[in-house]
Amino acid sequence: MKTYKTAEVAKIVSLHPNTIRRYEEWGLIPVPERGENGYRRFTDYHIDLIKTARVAFQIEVLQSGLRRKMIDTIKALATYSFEDAQSMVDEYLMLADKEVTQATEAIAIVERILAGEKEEQQVQLTRKEAAEYLGITSDTLRNWELNGLLSVKRMKNRYRIYTEDDLKRLKIIRTLRSAKYSLESILRLLNALDNRYASDIEIVLDTPDTSTDIISVCDSLLSSLKQAKKNARKIKKDIAILEEKYTDYVSPSN
């Protein structure tokens, strides 16, 4: 099998040579043989696996251990454990499906909350009472307020009072946070609701503000999950190709 130097591999896969060395240190590729001069000698398998790994890490969804599952998949391929890698991708797809379902169901719940009728009796709760009513901690409630998701009125004695409208807003926040939507995407939706232009909740939640300095995966949760699933299906096909192409190849380090 043809061999390559670190710089050659880096050029082929469009990565910095130091990144190739990191892949080796992290166990994402097999440890390459070294020539008599001490230089690493990479193979076509290293190159193909790095290309697969780049697809795997393109969308790094964190929830439910998805990122860890994808890392373990690539590490399995680094030891030529093709069957284990296929099983891990299947588990990844199953977990991603659950996350998509949860995220979609959360939108439906929010729509029902928004459509709900007001209580005839006006509610006024303290922070502790509101937290207990919602089944969350007071610290969580305080965090949401600090992040601008809710502005609570104060009574003359300076204590915060949570009204029925506040509780409805808090139910929306709780529902979306439970489904792993980011604080940024929730704030985006709440601002849209306040300004009465949230005609499609899913689109608002899934469309980050391009002026934001840092956009995380969870700022476009549904799109990220769907792309992660698409990538995982590609990796599943790639694993089958790798197995067929290299099944008879035994790593010198094994």
C-alpha atoms as a PDB file:
ATOM      1  CA  MET A   1       0.000   0.000   0.000  1.00  0.00           C
ATOM      2  CA  LYS A   2       1.268   3.442  -0.897  1.00  0.00           C
ATOM      3  CA  THR A   3       2.520   5.570   2.006  1.00  0.00           C
ATOM      4  CA  TYR A   4       2.474   9.322   2.588  1.00  0.00           C
ATOM      5  CA  LYS A   5       4.284  11.843   4.769  1.00  0.00           C
ATOM      6  CA  THR A   6       2.365  14.030   7.227  1.00  0.00           C
ATOM      7  CA  ALA A   7       2.583  17.073   4.955  1.00  0.00           C
ATOM      8  CA  GLU A   8       1.293  15.059   1.999  1.00  0.00           C
ATOM      9  CA  VAL A   9      -1.713  13.799   3.968  1.00  0.00           C
ATOM     10  CA  ALA A  10      -2.423  17.331   5.209  1.00  0.00           C
ATOM     11  CA  LYS A  11      -2.434  18.627   1.640  1.00  0.00           C
ATOM     12  CA  ILE A  12      -4.713  15.846   0.384  1.00  0.00           C
ATOM     13  CA  VAL A  13      -7.346  16.328   3.142  1.00  0.00           C
ATOM     14  CA  SER A  14      -6.903  20.131   3.376  1.00  0.00           C
ATOM     15  CA  LEU A  15      -5.903  20.184   7.044  1.00  0.00           C
ATOM     16  CA  HIS A  16      -2.893  21.575   8.911  1.00  0.00           C
ATOM     17  CA  PRO A  17      -0.158  18.977   9.616  1.00  0.00           C
ATOM     18  CA  ASN A  18      -0.616  19.597  13.340  1.00  0.00           C
ATOM     19  CA  THR A  19      -4.265  18.559  13.013  1.00  0.00           C
ATOM     20  CA  ILE A  20      -3.183  15.260  11.466  1.00  0.00           C
ATOM     21  CA  ARG A  21      -0.925  14.670  14.467  1.00  0.00           C
ATOM     22  CA  ARG A  22      -3.813  15.514  16.811  1.00  0.00           C
ATOM     23  CA  TYR A  23      -5.982  12.921  15.081  1.00  0.00           C
ATOM     24  CA  GLU A  24      -3.275  10.383  15.882  1.00  0.00           C
ATOM     25  CA  GLU A  25      -2.928  11.545  19.514  1.00  0.00           C
ATOM     26  CA  TRP A  26      -6.707  11.353  20.031  1.00  0.00           C
ATOM     27  CA  GLY A  27      -6.931   7.846  18.599  1.00  0.00           C
ATOM     28  CA  LEU A  28      -9.047   8.921  15.627  1.00  0.00           C
ATOM     29  CA  ILE A  29      -6.708   7.233  13.134  1.00  0.00           C
ATOM     30  CA  PRO A  30      -4.393   4.219  13.450  1.00  0.00           C
ATOM     31  CA  VAL A  31      -0.891   4.930  14.734  1.00  0.00           C
ATOM     32  CA  PRO A  32       1.193   5.116  11.551  1.00  0.00           C
ATOM     33  CA  GLU A  33       4.379   3.158  10.997  1.00  0.00           C
ATOM     34  CA  ARG A  34       7.620   5.102  10.988  1.00  0.00           C
ATOM     35  CA  GLY A  35      10.312   4.853   8.398  1.00  0.00           C
ATOM     36  CA  GLU A  36      14.014   4.405   9.113  1.00  0.00           C
ATOM     37  CA  ASN A  37      14.324   8.186   9.209  1.00  0.00           C
ATOM     38  CA  GLY A  38      11.672   8.354  11.976  1.00  0.00           C
ATOM     39  CA  TYR A  39       9.065  10.026   9.796  1.00  0.00           C
ATOM     40  CA  ARG A  40       5.451   8.846   9.970  1.00  0.00           C
ATOM     41  CA  ARG A  41       4.228   6.778   7.046  1.00  0.00           C
ATOM     42  CA  PHE A  42       0.505   7.182   6.502  1.00  0.00           C
ATOM     43  CA  THR A  43      -1.589   5.012   4.201  1.00  0.00           C
ATOM     44  CA  ASP A  44      -4.662   5.407   2.024  1.00  0.00           C
ATOM     45  CA  TYR A  45      -6.719   4.140   4.972  1.00  0.00           C
ATOM     46  CA  HIS A  46      -5.555   7.097   7.082  1.00  0.00           C
ATOM     47  CA  ILE A  47      -6.607   9.474   4.329  1.00  0.00           C
ATOM     48  CA  ASP A  48     -10.021   7.860   3.830  1.00  0.00           C
ATOM     49  CA  LEU A  49     -10.667   7.738   7.581  1.00  0.00           C
ATOM     50  CA  ILE A  50      -9.731  11.401   8.050  1.00  0.00           C
ATOM     51  CA  LYS A  51     -12.196  12.319   5.291  1.00  0.00           C
ATOM     52  CA  THR A  52     -14.895  10.294   7.068  1.00  0.00           C
ATOM     53  CA  ALA A  53     -14.017  11.909  10.406  1.00  0.00           C
ATOM     54  CA  ARG A  54     -14.397  15.380   8.909  1.00  0.00           C
ATOM     55  CA  VAL A  55     -17.946  14.526   7.883  1.00  0.00           C
ATOM     56  CA  ALA A  56     -18.578  13.065  11.357  1.00  0.00           C
ATOM     57  CA  PHE A  57     -17.477  16.240  13.118  1.00  0.00           C
ATOM     58  CA  GLN A  58     -19.043  18.716  10.712  1.00  0.00           C
ATOM     59  CA  ILE A  59     -22.159  19.002  12.910  1.00  0.00           C
ATOM     60  CA  GLU A  60     -21.207  18.437  16.543  1.00  0.00           C
ATOM     61  CA  VAL A  61     -24.548  17.956  18.262  1.00  0.00           C
ATOM     62  CA  LEU A  62     -23.899  17.532  21.983  1.00  0.00           C
ATOM     63  CA  GLN A  63     -27.147  16.304  23.528  1.00  0.00           C
ATOM     64  CA  SER A  64     -27.874  12.688  24.455  1.00  0.00           C
ATOM     65  CA  GLY A  65     -24.218  11.787  24.030  1.00  0.00           C
ATOM     66  CA  LEU A  66     -24.396  12.182  20.244  1.00  0.00           C
ATOM     67  CA  ARG A  67     -20.975  13.816  19.933  1.00  0.00           C
ATOM     68  CA  ARG A  68     -19.388  11.123  22.119  1.00  0.00           C
ATOM     69  CA  LYS A  69     -21.077   8.423  20.046  1.00  0.00           C
ATOM     70  CA  MET A  70     -19.608   9.852  16.838  1.00  0.00           C
ATOM     71  CA  ILE A  71     -16.134  10.117  18.359  1.00  0.00           C
ATOM     72  CA  ASP A  72     -16.354   6.478  19.478  1.00  0.00           C
ATOM     73  CA  THR A  73     -17.437   5.501  15.941  1.00  0.00           C
ATOM     74  CA  ILE A  74     -14.312   7.042  14.411  1.00  0.00           C
ATOM     75  CA  LYS A  75     -12.134   5.498  17.133  1.00  0.00           C
ATOM     76  CA  ALA A  76     -13.637   2.093  16.306  1.00  0.00           C
ATOM     77  CA  LEU A  77     -12.676   2.623  12.678  1.00  0.00           C
ATOM     78  CA  ALA A  78      -9.160   3.534  13.808  1.00  0.00           C
ATOM     79  CA  THR A  79      -8.886  -0.049  15.113  1.00  0.00           C
ATOM     80  CA  TYR A  80     -10.590  -1.521  12.015  1.00  0.00           C
ATOM     81  CA  SER A  81     -13.674  -2.476  14.076  1.00  0.00           C
ATOM     82  CA  PHE A  82     -16.099  -1.990  11.203  1.00  0.00           C
ATOM     83  CA  GLU A  83     -18.992  -3.907  12.763  1.00  0.00           C
ATOM     84  CA  ASP A  84     -18.777  -1.921  16.014  1.00  0.00           C
ATOM     85  CA  ALA A  85     -18.646   1.319  14.045  1.00  0.00           C
ATOM     86  CA  GLN A  86     -21.787   0.388  12.102  1.00  0.00           C
ATOM     87  CA  SER A  87     -23.632  -0.413  15.342  1.00  0.00           C
ATOM     88  CA  MET A  88     -22.604   2.934  16.832  1.00  0.00           C
ATOM     89  CA  VAL A  89     -23.881   4.828  13.784  1.00  0.00           C
ATOM     90  CA  ASP A  90     -27.201   2.973  14.049  1.00  0.00           C
ATOM     91  CA  GLU A  91     -27.437   4.027  17.712  1.00  0.00           C
ATOM     92  CA  TYR A  92     -26.515   7.597  16.738  1.00  0.00           C
ATOM     93  CA  LEU A  93     -29.341   7.719  14.178  1.00  0.00           C
ATOM     94  CA  MET A  94     -31.812   6.333  16.717  1.00  0.00           C
ATOM     95  CA  LEU A  95     -30.802   8.950  19.311  1.00  0.00           C
ATOM     96  CA  ALA A  96     -30.919  11.742  16.719  1.00  0.00           C
ATOM     97  CA  ASP A  97     -34.433  10.649  15.717  1.00  0.00           C
ATOM     98  CA  LYS A  98     -35.528  10.925  19.348  1.00  0.00           C
ATOM     99  CA  GLU A  99     -34.053  14.426  19.592  1.00  0.00           C
ATOM    100  CA  VAL A 100     -35.859  15.525  16.425  1.00  0.00           C
ATOM    101  CA  THR A 101     -39.130  14.131  17.774  1.00  0.00           C
ATOM    102  CA  GLN A 102     -38.643  15.892  21.108  1.00  0.00           C
ATOM    103  CA  ALA A 103     -37.773  19.195  19.427  1.00  0.00           C
ATOM    104  CA  THR A 104     -40.810  18.948  17.129  1.00  0.00           C
ATOM    105  CA  GLU A 105     -43.164  17.995  19.956  1.00  0.00           C
ATOM    106  CA  ALA A 106     -41.935  20.987  21.961  1.00  0.00           C
ATOM    107  CA  ILE A 107     -43.083  23.307  19.171  1.00  0.00           C
ATOM    108  CA  ALA A 108     -46.538  21.715  19.252  1.00  0.00           C
ATOM    109  CA  ILE A 109     -46.691  22.205  23.030  1.00  0.00           C
ATOM    110  CA  VAL A 110     -45.713  25.871  22.653  1.00  0.00           C
ATOM    111  CA  GLU A 111     -48.485  26.341  20.098  1.00  0.00           C
ATOM    112  CA  ARG A 112     -51.007  24.843  22.545  1.00  0.00           C
ATOM    113  CA  ILE A 113     -49.731  27.083  25.345  1.00  0.00           C
ATOM    114  CA  LEU A 114     -50.120  30.152  23.150  1.00  0.00           C
ATOM    115  CA  ALA A 115     -53.605  29.089  22.122  1.00  0.00           C
ATOM    116  CA  GLY A 116     -54.701  28.477  25.726  1.00  0.00           C
ATOM    117  CA  GLU A 117     -57.357  30.683  27.236  1.00  0.00           C
ATOM    118  CA  LYS A 118     -56.657  32.959  30.152  1.00  0.00           C
ATOM    119  CA  GLU A 119     -57.752  32.021  33.622  1.00  0.00           C
ATOM    120  CA  GLU A 120     -60.586  34.106  35.001  1.00  0.00           C
ATOM    121  CA  GLN A 121     -58.720  34.486  38.285  1.00  0.00           C
ATOM    122  CA  GLN A 122     -55.537  36.518  38.029  1.00  0.00           C
ATOM    123  CA  VAL A 123     -52.468  34.716  39.423  1.00  0.00           C
ATOM    124  CA  GLN A 124     -49.715  36.383  41.435  1.00  0.00           C
ATOM    125  CA  LEU A 125     -46.849  34.205  42.636  1.00  0.00           C
ATOM    126  CA  THR A 126     -43.510  34.847  44.280  1.00  0.00           C
ATOM    127  CA  ARG A 127     -40.334  33.531  42.612  1.00  0.00           C
ATOM    128  CA  LYS A 128     -40.270  30.516  44.920  1.00  0.00           C
ATOM    129  CA  GLU A 129     -43.958  29.776  44.265  1.00  0.00           C
ATOM    130  CA  ALA A 130     -43.504  30.207  40.509  1.00  0.00           C
ATOM    131  CA  ALA A 131     -40.494  27.858  40.523  1.00  0.00           C
ATOM    132  CA  GLU A 132     -42.425  25.227  42.478  1.00  0.00           C
ATOM    133  CA  TYR A 133     -45.436  25.601  40.176  1.00  0.00           C
ATOM    134  CA  LEU A 134     -43.245  25.020  37.093  1.00  0.00           C
ATOM    135  CA  GLY A 135     -41.162  22.263  38.676  1.00  0.00           C
ATOM    136  CA  ILE A 136     -37.868  24.115  38.276  1.00  0.00           C
ATOM    137  CA  THR A 137     -35.402  25.691  40.688  1.00  0.00           C
ATOM    138  CA  SER A 138     -35.354  29.340  41.687  1.00  0.00           C
ATOM    139  CA  ASP A 139     -31.811  29.519  40.304  1.00  0.00           C
ATOM    140  CA  THR A 140     -33.052  28.366  36.902  1.00  0.00           C
ATOM    141  CA  LEU A 141     -35.742  31.029  36.985  1.00  0.00           C
ATOM    142  CA  ARG A 142     -33.173  33.656  37.956  1.00  0.00           C
ATOM    143  CA  ASN A 143     -30.895  32.516  35.107  1.00  0.00           C
ATOM    144  CA  TRP A 144     -33.676  32.924  32.549  1.00  0.00           C
ATOM    145  CA  GLU A 145     -34.333  36.427  33.823  1.00  0.00           C
ATOM    146  CA  LEU A 146     -30.628  37.333  33.702  1.00  0.00           C
ATOM    147  CA  ASN A 147     -30.508  36.150  30.089  1.00  0.00           C
ATOM    148  CA  GLY A 148     -33.344  38.490  29.150  1.00  0.00           C
ATOM    149  CA  LEU A 149     -36.018  35.851  28.584  1.00  0.00           C
ATOM    150  CA  LEU A 150     -38.358  37.410  31.111  1.00  0.00           C
ATOM    151  CA  SER A 151     -38.793  40.809  32.738  1.00  0.00           C
ATOM    152  CA  VAL A 152     -40.761  40.500  35.970  1.00  0.00           C
ATOM    153  CA  LYS A 153     -42.734  43.275  37.612  1.00  0.00           C
ATOM    154  CA  ARG A 154     -42.036  44.222  41.223  1.00  0.00           C
ATOM    155  CA  MET A 155     -44.484  45.154  43.940  1.00  0.00           C
ATOM    156  CA  LYS A 156     -44.055  48.183  46.142  1.00  0.00           C
ATOM    157  CA  ASN A 157     -42.100  46.058  48.618  1.00  0.00           C
ATOM    158  CA  ARG A 158     -39.659  45.314  45.739  1.00  0.00           C
ATOM    159  CA  TYR A 159     -40.546  41.603  45.627  1.00  0.00           C
ATOM    160  CA  ARG A 160     -41.005  40.070  42.195  1.00  0.00           C
ATOM    161  CA  ILE A 161     -44.490  38.941  41.287  1.00  0.00           C
ATOM    162  CA  TYR A 162     -45.175  36.432  38.531  1.00  0.00           C
ATOM    163  CA  THR A 163     -48.498  36.880  36.766  1.00  0.00           C
ATOM    164  CA  GLU A 164     -50.478  34.511  34.553  1.00  0.00           C
ATOM    165  CA  ASP A 165     -48.810  35.971  31.440  1.00  0.00           C
ATOM    166  CA  ASP A 166     -45.395  35.451  33.038  1.00  0.00           C
ATOM    167  CA  LEU A 167     -46.228  31.820  33.800  1.00  0.00           C
ATOM    168  CA  LYS A 168     -47.340  31.218  30.208  1.00  0.00           C
ATOM    169  CA  ARG A 169     -44.043  32.680  29.003  1.00  0.00           C
ATOM    170  CA  LEU A 170     -42.147  30.540  31.502  1.00  0.00           C
ATOM    171  CA  LYS A 171     -43.953  27.389  30.342  1.00  0.00           C
ATOM    172  CA  ILE A 172     -42.779  28.151  26.801  1.00  0.00           C
ATOM    173  CA  ILE A 173     -39.202  28.616  27.999  1.00  0.00           C
ATOM    174  CA  ARG A 174     -39.297  25.436  30.104  1.00  0.00           C
ATOM    175  CA  THR A 175     -40.719  23.398  27.217  1.00  0.00           C
ATOM    176  CA  LEU A 176     -38.108  24.584  24.720  1.00  0.00           C
ATOM    177  CA  ARG A 177     -35.199  24.245  27.142  1.00  0.00           C
ATOM    178  CA  SER A 178     -36.286  20.676  27.916  1.00  0.00           C
ATOM    179  CA  ALA A 179     -36.027  19.980  24.187  1.00  0.00           C
ATOM    180  CA  LYS A 180     -32.457  21.430  24.123  1.00  0.00           C
ATOM    181  CA  TYR A 181     -33.237  24.666  22.273  1.00  0.00           C
ATOM    182  CA  SER A 182     -30.645  27.329  23.060  1.00  0.00           C
ATOM    183  CA  LEU A 183     -31.367  30.431  25.138  1.00  0.00           C
ATOM    184  CA  GLU A 184     -30.575  32.504  22.038  1.00  0.00           C
ATOM    185  CA  SER A 185     -33.193  30.752  19.889  1.00  0.00           C
ATOM    186  CA  ILE A 186     -35.796  30.969  22.668  1.00  0.00           C
ATOM    187  CA  LEU A 187     -35.143  34.680  23.118  1.00  0.00           C
ATOM    188  CA  ARG A 188     -35.476  35.091  19.354  1.00  0.00           C
ATOM    189  CA  LEU A 189     -38.908  33.433  19.459  1.00  0.00           C
ATOM    190  CA  LEU A 190     -40.092  35.414  22.494  1.00  0.00           C
ATOM    191  CA  ASN A 191     -39.078  38.683  20.852  1.00  0.00           C
ATOM    192  CA  ALA A 192     -40.979  37.640  17.733  1.00  0.00           C
ATOM    193  CA  LEU A 193     -44.048  36.800  19.819  1.00  0.00           C
ATOM    194  CA  ASP A 194     -43.811  40.148  21.621  1.00  0.00           C
ATOM    195  CA  ASN A 195     -43.708  41.922  18.263  1.00  0.00           C
ATOM    196  CA  ARG A 196     -46.427  39.674  16.801  1.00  0.00           C
ATOM    197  CA  TYR A 197     -44.457  38.386  13.800  1.00  0.00           C
ATOM    198  CA  ALA A 198     -43.937  34.746  14.818  1.00  0.00           C
ATOM    199  CA  SER A 199     -46.255  33.236  12.192  1.00  0.00           C
ATOM    200  CA  ASP A 200     -44.187  30.022  12.084  1.00  0.00           C
ATOM    201  CA  ILE A 201     -42.602  29.050  15.394  1.00  0.00           C
ATOM    202  CA  GLU A 202     -40.357  26.379  13.853  1.00  0.00           C
ATOM    203  CA  ILE A 203     -38.861  28.809  11.330  1.00  0.00           C
ATOM    204  CA  VAL A 204     -38.172  31.454  13.988  1.00  0.00           C
ATOM    205  CA  LEU A 205     -36.515  28.918  16.307  1.00  0.00           C
ATOM    206  CA  ASP A 206     -34.442  27.502  13.471  1.00  0.00           C
ATOM    207  CA  THR A 207     -33.235  30.768  11.911  1.00  0.00           C
ATOM    208  CA  PRO A 208     -30.329  32.398  13.775  1.00  0.00           C
ATOM    209  CA  ASP A 209     -29.766  36.121  13.553  1.00  0.00           C
ATOM    210  CA  THR A 210     -26.871  36.565  11.107  1.00  0.00           C
ATOM    211  CA  SER A 211     -25.668  39.598  13.082  1.00  0.00           C
ATOM    212  CA  THR A 212     -24.942  37.403  16.122  1.00  0.00           C
ATOM    213  CA  ASP A 213     -21.199  37.059  16.748  1.00  0.00           C
ATOM    214  CA  ILE A 214     -21.322  33.362  17.703  1.00  0.00           C
ATOM    215  CA  ILE A 215     -23.949  30.950  16.403  1.00  0.00           C
ATOM    216  CA  SER A 216     -24.153  27.558  18.094  1.00  0.00           C
ATOM    217  CA  VAL A 217     -25.584  24.305  16.768  1.00  0.00           C
ATOM    218  CA  CYS A 218     -28.570  24.616  19.119  1.00  0.00           C
ATOM    219  CA  ASP A 219     -29.416  28.045  17.698  1.00  0.00           C
ATOM    220  CA  SER A 220     -30.729  26.103  14.679  1.00  0.00           C
ATOM    221  CA  LEU A 221     -31.508  22.870  16.492  1.00  0.00           C
ATOM    222  CA  LEU A 222     -33.822  21.114  14.029  1.00  0.00           C
ATOM    223  CA  SER A 223     -31.680  21.926  10.993  1.00  0.00           C
ATOM    224  CA  SER A 224     -28.543  20.804  12.834  1.00  0.00           C
ATOM    225  CA  LEU A 225     -30.125  17.512  13.892  1.00  0.00           C
ATOM    226  CA  LYS A 226     -31.400  16.824  10.384  1.00  0.00           C
ATOM    227  CA  GLN A 227     -27.967  17.574   8.895  1.00  0.00           C
ATOM    228  CA  ALA A 228     -26.313  15.402  11.553  1.00  0.00           C
ATOM    229  CA  LYS A 229     -28.610  12.524  10.553  1.00  0.00           C
ATOM    230  CA  LYS A 230     -27.790  13.065   6.881  1.00  0.00           C
ATOM    231  CA  ASN A 231     -24.073  12.997   7.682  1.00  0.00           C
ATOM    232  CA  ALA A 232     -24.484   9.856   9.792  1.00  0.00           C
ATOM    233  CA  ARG A 233     -26.204   8.066   6.916  1.00  0.00           C
ATOM    234  CA  LYS A 234     -23.288   9.024   4.662  1.00  0.00           C
ATOM    235  CA  ILE A 235     -20.823   7.725   7.255  1.00  0.00           C
ATOM    236  CA  LYS A 236     -22.748   4.457   7.398  1.00  0.00           C
ATOM    237  CA  LYS A 237     -22.202   4.045   3.651  1.00  0.00           C
ATOM    238  CA  ASP A 238     -18.556   5.098   4.006  1.00  0.00           C
ATOM    239  CA  ILE A 239     -17.987   2.419   6.665  1.00  0.00           C
ATOM    240  CA  ALA A 240     -19.282  -0.255   4.300  1.00  0.00           C
ATOM    241  CA  ILE A 241     -16.902   1.022   1.607  1.00  0.00           C
ATOM    242  CA  LEU A 242     -13.972   1.116   4.053  1.00  0.00           C
ATOM    243  CA  GLU A 243     -14.699  -2.425   5.182  1.00  0.00           C
ATOM    244  CA  GLU A 244     -14.879  -3.734   1.632  1.00  0.00           C
ATOM    245  CA  LYS A 245     -11.746  -1.857   0.590  1.00  0.00           C
ATOM    246  CA  TYR A 246      -9.558  -2.563   3.626  1.00  0.00           C
ATOM    247  CA  THR A 247     -10.999  -5.670   5.278  1.00  0.00           C
ATOM    248  CA  ASP A 248      -7.901  -7.718   4.401  1.00  0.00           C
ATOM    249  CA  TYR A 249      -5.510  -5.016   5.547  1.00  0.00           C
ATOM    250  CA  VAL A 250      -3.996  -5.597   8.975  1.00  0.00           C
ATOM    251  CA  SER A 251      -2.570  -2.577  10.745  1.00  0.00           C
ATOM    252  CA  PRO A 252       1.111  -3.058  11.606  1.00  0.00           C
ATOM    253  CA  SER A 253       0.365  -1.700  15.099  1.00  0.00           C
ATOM    254  CA  ASN A 254      -2.281  -4.439  15.744  1.00  0.00           C
END
